[in-house]
Amino acid sequence: MSSNFVSQVASHSEEFLLDKDIASVFPLFSPEGEKLWAPGWDYTNLLGFKDLQPDYVFLTDSHDHRSANAIWIVADYDAVKHYVLYYKVEPGEKVGKIIVQCFEQGQKYTLVKVTYKYIGLSDSGNRFVAGFTKEAYTEFIDEWRSLIHDYFEKISNKMDASDG
């Protein structure tokens, strides 16, 4: 890398409301929870346990903004405050900082706030960051909302079918 390389940086936040209690929603933003609603999501569990805590590390092969071979590190986790901060390192490409925080809205609604920040580590990483627009991010998070909503619908339909 040349000494005159300058990293591109982009950060965006979005919120969405789910018609579900916070105890059902917040666990979906863990490596295990994401398997329930995100098509193709999987991870390599390096530590042998699944409970999130600071310094929990896991790997993904491909997911989330064209990443490949990403190292994920839980930098902060607070189950009481429904808050998790991940760093996602893609060596030679980019570093991501992902914050998910859930807020109880009455007893049966949850507001989800998701913030992504990317920092380019190379020319190709900078190209990605330059294309990481507010519009693209809004579309990305709208897909999260839709997938999570569909996940809860499927659960509800299965419960209704088993009641009948």
Protein backbone atom coordinates (compact mmCIF):
# COMPACT_ATOMS: atom_id res chain seq x y z
CA MET A 1 0.00 0.00 0.00
CA SER A 2 1.36 3.37 -0.92
CA SER A 3 1.93 6.00 1.75
CA ASN A 4 -0.56 8.32 0.07
CA PHE A 5 -3.49 5.86 0.24
CA VAL A 6 -6.55 7.44 1.86
CA SER A 7 -9.40 5.26 3.10
CA GLN A 8 -12.92 6.03 2.01
CA VAL A 9 -15.47 5.99 4.84
CA ALA A 10 -19.26 5.72 4.70
CA SER A 11 -21.83 5.27 7.46
CA HIS A 12 -25.61 4.89 7.37
CA SER A 13 -28.36 4.14 9.89
CA GLU A 14 -31.92 2.95 9.40
CA GLU A 15 -34.76 2.01 11.73
CA PHE A 16 -37.75 -0.25 11.30
CA LEU A 17 -40.63 -1.30 13.52
CA LEU A 18 -41.64 -4.91 14.07
CA ASP A 19 -44.94 -6.10 15.49
CA LYS A 20 -43.16 -8.39 17.96
CA ASP A 21 -41.85 -8.16 21.51
CA ILE A 22 -38.20 -7.28 22.09
CA ALA A 23 -37.42 -10.67 23.67
CA SER A 24 -38.33 -12.34 20.37
CA VAL A 25 -36.58 -9.78 18.15
CA PHE A 26 -33.18 -9.03 19.70
CA PRO A 27 -31.80 -12.63 19.59
CA LEU A 28 -32.23 -12.60 15.80
CA PHE A 29 -29.17 -10.32 15.53
CA SER A 30 -26.71 -12.96 16.68
CA PRO A 31 -24.87 -15.44 14.43
CA GLU A 32 -27.30 -18.20 15.45
CA GLY A 33 -30.36 -15.98 15.27
CA GLU A 34 -29.54 -14.75 11.80
CA LYS A 35 -29.66 -18.34 10.52
CA LEU A 36 -33.41 -18.26 11.21
CA TRP A 37 -34.27 -15.42 8.83
CA ALA A 38 -31.36 -14.54 6.51
CA PRO A 39 -31.20 -16.81 3.44
CA GLY A 40 -27.75 -18.33 3.00
CA TRP A 41 -26.41 -17.01 6.31
CA ASP A 42 -24.03 -19.35 8.07
CA TYR A 43 -20.91 -18.89 10.11
CA THR A 44 -17.95 -20.75 11.54
CA ASN A 45 -18.13 -20.91 15.30
CA LEU A 46 -14.51 -20.68 16.51
CA LEU A 47 -15.09 -20.65 20.25
CA GLY A 48 -17.40 -23.64 20.68
CA PHE A 49 -20.22 -21.75 22.40
CA LYS A 50 -23.06 -19.66 21.01
CA ASP A 51 -23.76 -17.04 23.68
CA LEU A 52 -22.59 -13.62 22.58
CA GLN A 53 -20.18 -11.65 24.71
CA PRO A 54 -17.40 -9.14 24.08
CA ASP A 55 -14.46 -10.69 22.17
CA TYR A 56 -16.64 -13.45 20.71
CA VAL A 57 -15.13 -14.16 17.26
CA PHE A 58 -16.64 -15.99 14.29
CA LEU A 59 -16.06 -16.23 10.55
CA THR A 60 -18.23 -15.99 7.46
CA ASP A 61 -17.36 -17.07 3.92
CA SER A 62 -19.71 -14.77 2.06
CA HIS A 63 -22.57 -12.63 3.20
CA ASP A 64 -23.51 -9.04 3.60
CA HIS A 65 -22.32 -6.57 0.98
CA ARG A 66 -20.29 -8.96 -1.18
CA SER A 67 -17.92 -9.85 1.61
CA ALA A 68 -15.66 -12.86 1.47
CA ASN A 69 -13.79 -14.50 4.34
CA ALA A 70 -14.83 -12.00 6.98
CA ILE A 71 -13.68 -12.09 10.58
CA TRP A 72 -16.42 -10.88 12.95
CA ILE A 73 -15.61 -9.66 16.45
CA VAL A 74 -18.18 -8.73 19.07
CA ALA A 75 -16.83 -5.47 20.47
CA ASP A 76 -19.73 -4.77 22.82
CA TYR A 77 -22.80 -6.71 23.86
CA ASP A 78 -25.50 -5.81 26.36
CA ALA A 79 -28.50 -8.14 26.50
CA VAL A 80 -30.30 -5.88 28.98
CA LYS A 81 -29.97 -2.82 26.72
CA HIS A 82 -30.56 -4.97 23.61
CA TYR A 83 -27.37 -3.70 22.02
CA VAL A 84 -24.63 -5.41 20.02
CA LEU A 85 -21.60 -3.94 18.24
CA TYR A 86 -19.69 -6.05 15.74
CA TYR A 87 -16.50 -5.34 13.84
CA LYS A 88 -16.31 -7.18 10.55
CA VAL A 89 -12.80 -7.34 9.10
CA GLU A 90 -12.25 -8.33 5.48
CA PRO A 91 -8.45 -8.38 5.19
CA GLY A 92 -7.17 -6.28 2.32
CA GLU A 93 -10.65 -4.96 1.52
CA LYS A 94 -12.58 -3.17 4.24
CA VAL A 95 -13.54 -2.97 7.90
CA GLY A 96 -17.18 -2.76 8.90
CA LYS A 97 -18.65 -1.57 12.17
CA ILE A 98 -22.20 -2.85 12.68
CA ILE A 99 -24.41 -1.72 15.54
CA VAL A 100 -27.84 -3.19 16.21
CA GLN A 101 -29.99 -1.81 18.98
CA CYS A 102 -33.56 -2.73 19.77
CA PHE A 103 -35.99 -0.51 21.65
CA GLU A 104 -39.19 -1.71 23.26
CA GLN A 105 -42.24 0.14 21.93
CA GLY A 106 -45.01 -0.94 24.24
CA GLN A 107 -45.29 -4.61 25.09
CA LYS A 108 -45.57 -6.01 21.59
CA TYR A 109 -43.58 -3.77 19.27
CA THR A 110 -39.84 -3.38 18.78
CA LEU A 111 -37.98 -0.59 17.04
CA VAL A 112 -34.77 -1.88 15.46
CA LYS A 113 -31.95 0.56 14.66
CA VAL A 114 -29.12 -0.73 12.48
CA THR A 115 -25.96 1.25 11.69
CA TYR A 116 -23.24 0.16 9.27
CA LYS A 117 -19.95 1.99 8.84
CA TYR A 118 -17.38 0.87 6.29
CA ILE A 119 -13.74 1.90 5.96
CA GLY A 120 -11.82 0.97 2.81
CA LEU A 121 -8.47 -0.79 3.22
CA SER A 122 -7.53 -0.88 -0.46
CA ASP A 123 -8.55 0.55 -3.80
CA SER A 124 -11.16 -2.19 -4.24
CA GLY A 125 -12.39 -1.60 -0.70
CA ASN A 126 -12.63 2.10 -1.43
CA ARG A 127 -14.66 1.37 -4.56
CA PHE A 128 -17.08 -0.64 -2.44
CA VAL A 129 -17.34 2.16 0.13
CA ALA A 130 -17.93 4.75 -2.61
CA GLY A 131 -20.88 2.66 -3.82
CA PHE A 132 -22.25 2.19 -0.30
CA THR A 133 -24.93 4.85 -0.75
CA LYS A 134 -27.80 5.80 1.53
CA GLU A 135 -30.23 4.48 -1.09
CA ALA A 136 -28.48 1.11 -1.34
CA TYR A 137 -28.34 0.86 2.45
CA THR A 138 -32.03 1.71 2.84
CA GLU A 139 -32.88 -1.05 0.35
CA PHE A 140 -30.62 -3.49 2.24
CA ILE A 141 -32.27 -2.78 5.60
CA ASP A 142 -35.77 -2.85 4.05
CA GLU A 143 -34.91 -6.40 3.00
CA TRP A 144 -33.97 -7.22 6.61
CA ARG A 145 -37.33 -5.89 7.79
CA SER A 146 -39.17 -7.91 5.18
CA LEU A 147 -37.23 -11.14 5.88
CA ILE A 148 -37.71 -10.84 9.64
CA HIS A 149 -41.41 -10.06 9.20
CA ASP A 150 -41.74 -13.16 6.96
CA TYR A 151 -39.90 -15.25 9.56
CA PHE A 152 -42.37 -14.23 12.28
CA GLU A 153 -45.30 -14.86 9.90
CA LYS A 154 -44.05 -18.42 9.26
CA ILE A 155 -43.73 -19.06 13.00
CA SER A 156 -47.21 -17.68 13.60
CA ASN A 157 -48.69 -19.81 10.81
CA LYS A 158 -47.01 -22.95 12.18
CA MET A 159 -48.38 -22.20 15.64
CA ASP A 160 -51.86 -21.61 14.22
CA ALA A 161 -51.66 -24.89 12.29
CA SER A 162 -50.60 -26.83 15.40
CA ASP A 163 -53.45 -25.29 17.40
CA GLY A 164 -56.00 -26.46 14.83
